Amino acid sequence: MRLATLCLLLVLAPSMAAAGASCPQNSVTSGGGFDAVQFSGTDPTGTFGQSGLVPWSKGTPCANGCYDLPNGAVAARGGANTQGGGFGAVHAADVYHIVGPAGPPLTFEAVLLLDAQLDPYTGFLGSIQSGAQSASCSTGPSCEAAITLSHAPGESFLVSADLNASGFNGVYPPGWATVTGEIRFRGLPAGYSVVSCQNYDVPVPAHTSSWGGVKALYR
């Protein structure tokens, strides 16, 4: 048995968007065996439609790959079955900056929080990247990937998240990997917040060190 082809390959990241340019491109991918279909776009939310991306909102079902950047949400679903495992994947990128009093660079974390519901013979891989910094996690039912960043208020920086859910080929009974993720920032001093090209609007907790603490604050 093997994981469906491409199931744990991350979707290629788009180029850094310059300040004032259009927001970065995002993509969703779905497939099984050697076949995969990908749709891309720059809308703030998206999932598979009949001929391209259609809007998707955090908290609603996701059949393959989904993203909602104003809420910092991603989701993916892939399956295991007897006739070729399938996978769903999403690549979501946005240009962020810190809002608050002017001053020197601030050190903080960008975090991808993941929750997974995994049937037998399924799995997932999530990662977060910014510049040379990257981190990933793949252990359910919950995990986090965190990177440490340093940026001055008003300075733009790209953060992207990738999430893949997949299942093995040739197994019985069939099953699913259903994974949801949240892109969050933590550790900024009081009085600072994070906004983005896609109108990211989520509170930033100061000095929250544990995954459980962050999860409780945001939910």
Protein backbone atom coordinates (compact mmCIF):
# COMPACT_ATOMS: atom_id res chain seq x y z
CA MET A 1 0.00 0.00 0.00
CA ARG A 2 1.10 3.54 -0.66
CA LEU A 3 -0.26 7.02 -0.20
CA ALA A 4 -2.03 8.48 -3.20
CA THR A 5 0.40 10.01 -5.66
CA LEU A 6 1.25 13.59 -4.75
CA CYS A 7 -0.76 13.37 -1.52
CA LEU A 8 1.98 14.81 0.67
CA LEU A 9 3.58 17.11 -1.89
CA LEU A 10 3.11 20.77 -1.05
CA VAL A 11 1.64 22.99 -3.73
CA LEU A 12 4.23 25.35 -5.19
CA ALA A 13 4.33 28.68 -3.37
CA PRO A 14 3.62 31.87 -5.32
CA SER A 15 6.09 34.75 -5.61
CA MET A 16 6.22 37.44 -2.96
CA ALA A 17 3.72 40.19 -3.63
CA ALA A 18 5.12 43.71 -3.59
CA ALA A 19 3.44 46.37 -1.47
CA GLY A 20 0.52 47.84 -3.37
CA ALA A 21 0.34 44.92 -5.82
CA SER A 22 -2.53 42.44 -6.03
CA CYS A 23 -2.75 39.85 -3.29
CA PRO A 24 -0.82 36.55 -3.74
CA GLN A 25 -2.33 33.65 -5.63
CA ASN A 26 -3.86 30.70 -3.79
CA SER A 27 -4.72 27.22 -5.02
CA VAL A 28 -6.75 24.13 -4.21
CA THR A 29 -5.89 20.67 -5.58
CA SER A 30 -7.77 17.38 -5.62
CA GLY A 31 -7.00 14.00 -7.16
CA GLY A 32 -6.24 10.32 -6.92
CA GLY A 33 -3.74 8.00 -8.52
CA PHE A 34 -1.85 9.95 -11.17
CA ASP A 35 -4.65 12.45 -11.78
CA ALA A 36 -4.99 15.80 -10.08
CA VAL A 37 -6.97 18.97 -10.79
CA GLN A 38 -5.91 22.37 -9.50
CA PHE A 39 -7.73 25.70 -9.47
CA SER A 40 -5.96 28.96 -8.59
CA GLY A 41 -7.02 32.53 -7.86
CA THR A 42 -6.50 35.66 -5.78
CA ASP A 43 -9.94 35.87 -4.17
CA PRO A 44 -9.94 36.02 -0.35
CA THR A 45 -11.79 32.68 -0.04
CA GLY A 46 -12.06 29.64 -2.27
CA THR A 47 -12.78 25.97 -2.86
CA PHE A 48 -13.58 23.75 -5.87
CA GLY A 49 -16.43 24.73 -8.15
CA GLN A 50 -17.53 23.25 -11.46
CA SER A 51 -15.05 25.29 -13.48
CA GLY A 52 -12.93 27.18 -10.97
CA LEU A 53 -12.82 28.53 -7.43
CA VAL A 54 -16.02 29.45 -5.62
CA PRO A 55 -16.33 31.18 -2.21
CA TRP A 56 -15.89 29.17 0.99
CA SER A 57 -16.35 30.19 4.63
CA LYS A 58 -14.65 28.93 7.76
CA GLY A 59 -16.80 26.40 9.60
CA THR A 60 -18.63 25.09 6.52
CA PRO A 61 -17.92 21.62 5.04
CA CYS A 62 -14.85 21.25 2.81
CA ALA A 63 -14.83 18.43 0.23
CA ASN A 64 -11.20 18.78 -0.98
CA GLY A 65 -9.14 21.96 -0.41
CA CYS A 66 -10.53 25.22 1.04
CA TYR A 67 -9.33 28.58 2.38
CA ASP A 68 -10.81 31.68 4.06
CA LEU A 69 -7.98 34.20 4.49
CA PRO A 70 -9.91 36.99 6.30
CA ASN A 71 -10.50 34.42 9.07
CA GLY A 72 -7.10 32.71 8.63
CA ALA A 73 -8.75 29.35 7.91
CA VAL A 74 -7.71 26.42 5.72
CA ALA A 75 -9.19 22.93 5.37
CA ALA A 76 -8.56 19.74 3.39
CA ARG A 77 -10.19 16.33 2.92
CA GLY A 78 -8.79 13.16 1.38
CA GLY A 79 -9.84 9.52 1.33
CA ALA A 80 -8.64 5.93 1.48
CA ASN A 81 -10.37 3.30 -0.66
CA THR A 82 -9.90 0.06 -2.55
CA GLN A 83 -9.44 1.59 -6.01
CA GLY A 84 -6.92 4.39 -5.51
CA GLY A 85 -6.47 6.71 -2.58
CA GLY A 86 -7.40 10.34 -3.02
CA PHE A 87 -6.11 13.63 -1.66
CA GLY A 88 -7.21 17.22 -1.17
CA ALA A 89 -4.78 20.10 -0.76
CA VAL A 90 -4.75 23.86 -0.31
CA HIS A 91 -2.07 26.54 -0.60
CA ALA A 92 -3.04 29.87 0.98
CA ALA A 93 -0.81 32.96 1.02
CA ASP A 94 -1.27 36.52 2.19
CA VAL A 95 0.82 39.66 2.74
CA TYR A 96 0.60 40.84 6.34
CA HIS A 97 1.84 43.78 8.38
CA ILE A 98 1.78 44.83 12.02
CA VAL A 99 -0.38 47.77 13.05
CA GLY A 100 0.62 49.76 16.13
CA PRO A 101 3.01 52.43 17.41
CA ALA A 102 6.10 52.94 15.24
CA GLY A 103 9.29 51.39 16.53
CA PRO A 104 11.98 48.73 16.02
CA PRO A 105 11.26 45.18 14.81
CA LEU A 106 9.09 43.05 17.06
CA THR A 107 9.59 39.32 17.57
CA PHE A 108 6.47 37.15 17.38
CA GLU A 109 5.22 33.81 16.04
CA ALA A 110 3.15 32.80 13.03
CA VAL A 111 1.34 29.56 13.81
CA LEU A 112 -0.70 26.99 11.90
CA LEU A 113 -3.05 25.18 14.30
CA LEU A 114 -4.46 21.89 12.98
CA ASP A 115 -7.29 19.60 14.05
CA ALA A 116 -7.74 16.26 12.27
CA GLN A 117 -10.37 13.54 12.17
CA LEU A 118 -8.54 10.50 10.79
CA ASP A 119 -9.97 7.17 9.74
CA PRO A 120 -7.57 4.19 9.35
CA TYR A 121 -5.06 4.42 6.49
CA THR A 122 -5.34 8.21 6.20
CA GLY A 123 -3.03 11.07 7.13
CA PHE A 124 -2.21 14.74 6.65
CA LEU A 125 0.64 17.24 6.42
CA GLY A 126 0.42 20.92 7.28
CA SER A 127 3.12 23.57 7.03
CA ILE A 128 3.64 27.31 7.42
CA GLN A 129 6.34 29.38 5.73
CA SER A 130 7.68 32.93 5.64
CA GLY A 131 10.96 33.74 3.92
CA ALA A 132 13.56 31.23 5.08
CA GLN A 133 11.45 30.13 8.05
CA SER A 134 9.24 27.05 7.83
CA ALA A 135 7.69 24.43 10.10
CA SER A 136 5.34 21.50 9.63
CA CYS A 137 3.31 18.93 11.57
CA SER A 138 1.47 15.74 10.71
CA THR A 139 0.30 14.05 13.91
CA GLY A 140 -3.37 13.94 14.84
CA PRO A 141 -5.74 14.64 16.28
CA SER A 142 -4.18 18.08 16.92
CA CYS A 143 -0.82 19.68 16.27
CA GLU A 144 0.78 23.04 15.56
CA ALA A 145 3.53 24.34 13.29
CA ALA A 146 5.11 27.61 14.46
CA ILE A 147 7.80 29.93 13.08
CA THR A 148 9.45 32.93 14.75
CA LEU A 149 9.40 36.21 12.82
CA SER A 150 10.77 39.70 13.39
CA HIS A 151 9.20 42.71 11.64
CA ALA A 152 8.74 46.39 12.42
CA PRO A 153 5.25 47.92 12.46
CA GLY A 154 4.16 48.72 8.91
CA GLU A 155 6.66 46.32 7.29
CA SER A 156 5.03 43.86 4.87
CA PHE A 157 5.79 40.13 5.03
CA LEU A 158 4.40 37.08 3.22
CA VAL A 159 3.11 34.08 5.16
CA SER A 160 1.81 30.98 3.39
CA ALA A 161 0.20 27.80 4.67
CA ASP A 162 -0.11 24.41 2.96
CA LEU A 163 -2.39 21.59 4.02
CA ASN A 164 -2.73 18.12 2.46
CA ALA A 165 -5.13 15.36 3.53
CA SER A 166 -4.82 11.92 1.93
CA GLY A 167 -5.54 8.21 2.09
CA PHE A 168 -3.88 4.97 1.09
CA ASN A 169 -4.64 3.12 -2.12
CA GLY A 170 -6.07 -0.41 -2.05
CA VAL A 171 -7.41 -0.62 1.50
CA TYR A 172 -10.67 -1.65 3.11
CA PRO A 173 -12.78 -0.27 4.66
CA PRO A 174 -12.76 3.15 2.96
CA GLY A 175 -12.14 6.17 5.17
CA TRP A 176 -11.46 9.87 5.27
CA ALA A 177 -8.97 12.39 6.61
CA THR A 178 -10.76 15.65 7.42
CA VAL A 179 -8.45 18.43 8.61
CA THR A 180 -9.07 22.05 9.56
CA GLY A 181 -6.39 24.67 10.20
CA GLU A 182 -6.08 28.20 11.51
CA ILE A 183 -3.33 30.72 10.66
CA ARG A 184 -2.65 32.74 13.79
CA PHE A 185 -0.08 35.17 15.22
CA ARG A 186 0.95 35.30 18.86
CA GLY A 187 3.37 37.07 21.15
CA LEU A 188 3.02 40.70 20.04
CA PRO A 189 3.00 43.37 22.76
CA ALA A 190 -0.33 44.88 23.80
CA GLY A 191 -1.47 47.59 21.39
CA TYR A 192 -0.32 45.78 18.23
CA SER A 193 -2.36 43.75 15.76
CA VAL A 194 -1.92 42.08 12.38
CA VAL A 195 -3.78 42.99 9.17
CA SER A 196 -3.30 41.79 5.60
CA CYS A 197 -3.92 42.29 1.91
CA GLN A 198 -6.94 39.96 2.24
CA ASN A 199 -8.31 41.81 5.30
CA TYR A 200 -7.15 39.35 7.97
CA ASP A 201 -9.08 40.26 11.11
CA VAL A 202 -8.30 37.96 14.05
CA PRO A 203 -7.18 39.04 17.56
CA VAL A 204 -3.50 38.50 18.45
CA PRO A 205 -2.88 37.19 21.99
CA ALA A 206 0.22 38.45 23.75
CA HIS A 207 2.68 35.89 25.16
CA THR A 208 0.49 32.79 24.76
CA SER A 209 2.90 29.88 24.78
CA SER A 210 0.82 26.71 24.49
CA TRP A 211 -1.27 25.27 21.66
CA GLY A 212 -4.13 24.71 24.07
CA GLY A 213 -4.01 28.32 25.24
CA VAL A 214 -4.11 29.68 21.72
CA LYS A 215 -6.93 27.31 20.75
CA ALA A 216 -8.99 28.39 23.76
CA LEU A 217 -8.52 32.08 22.97
CA TYR A 218 -9.55 31.77 19.35
CA ARG A 219 -12.50 29.41 19.82
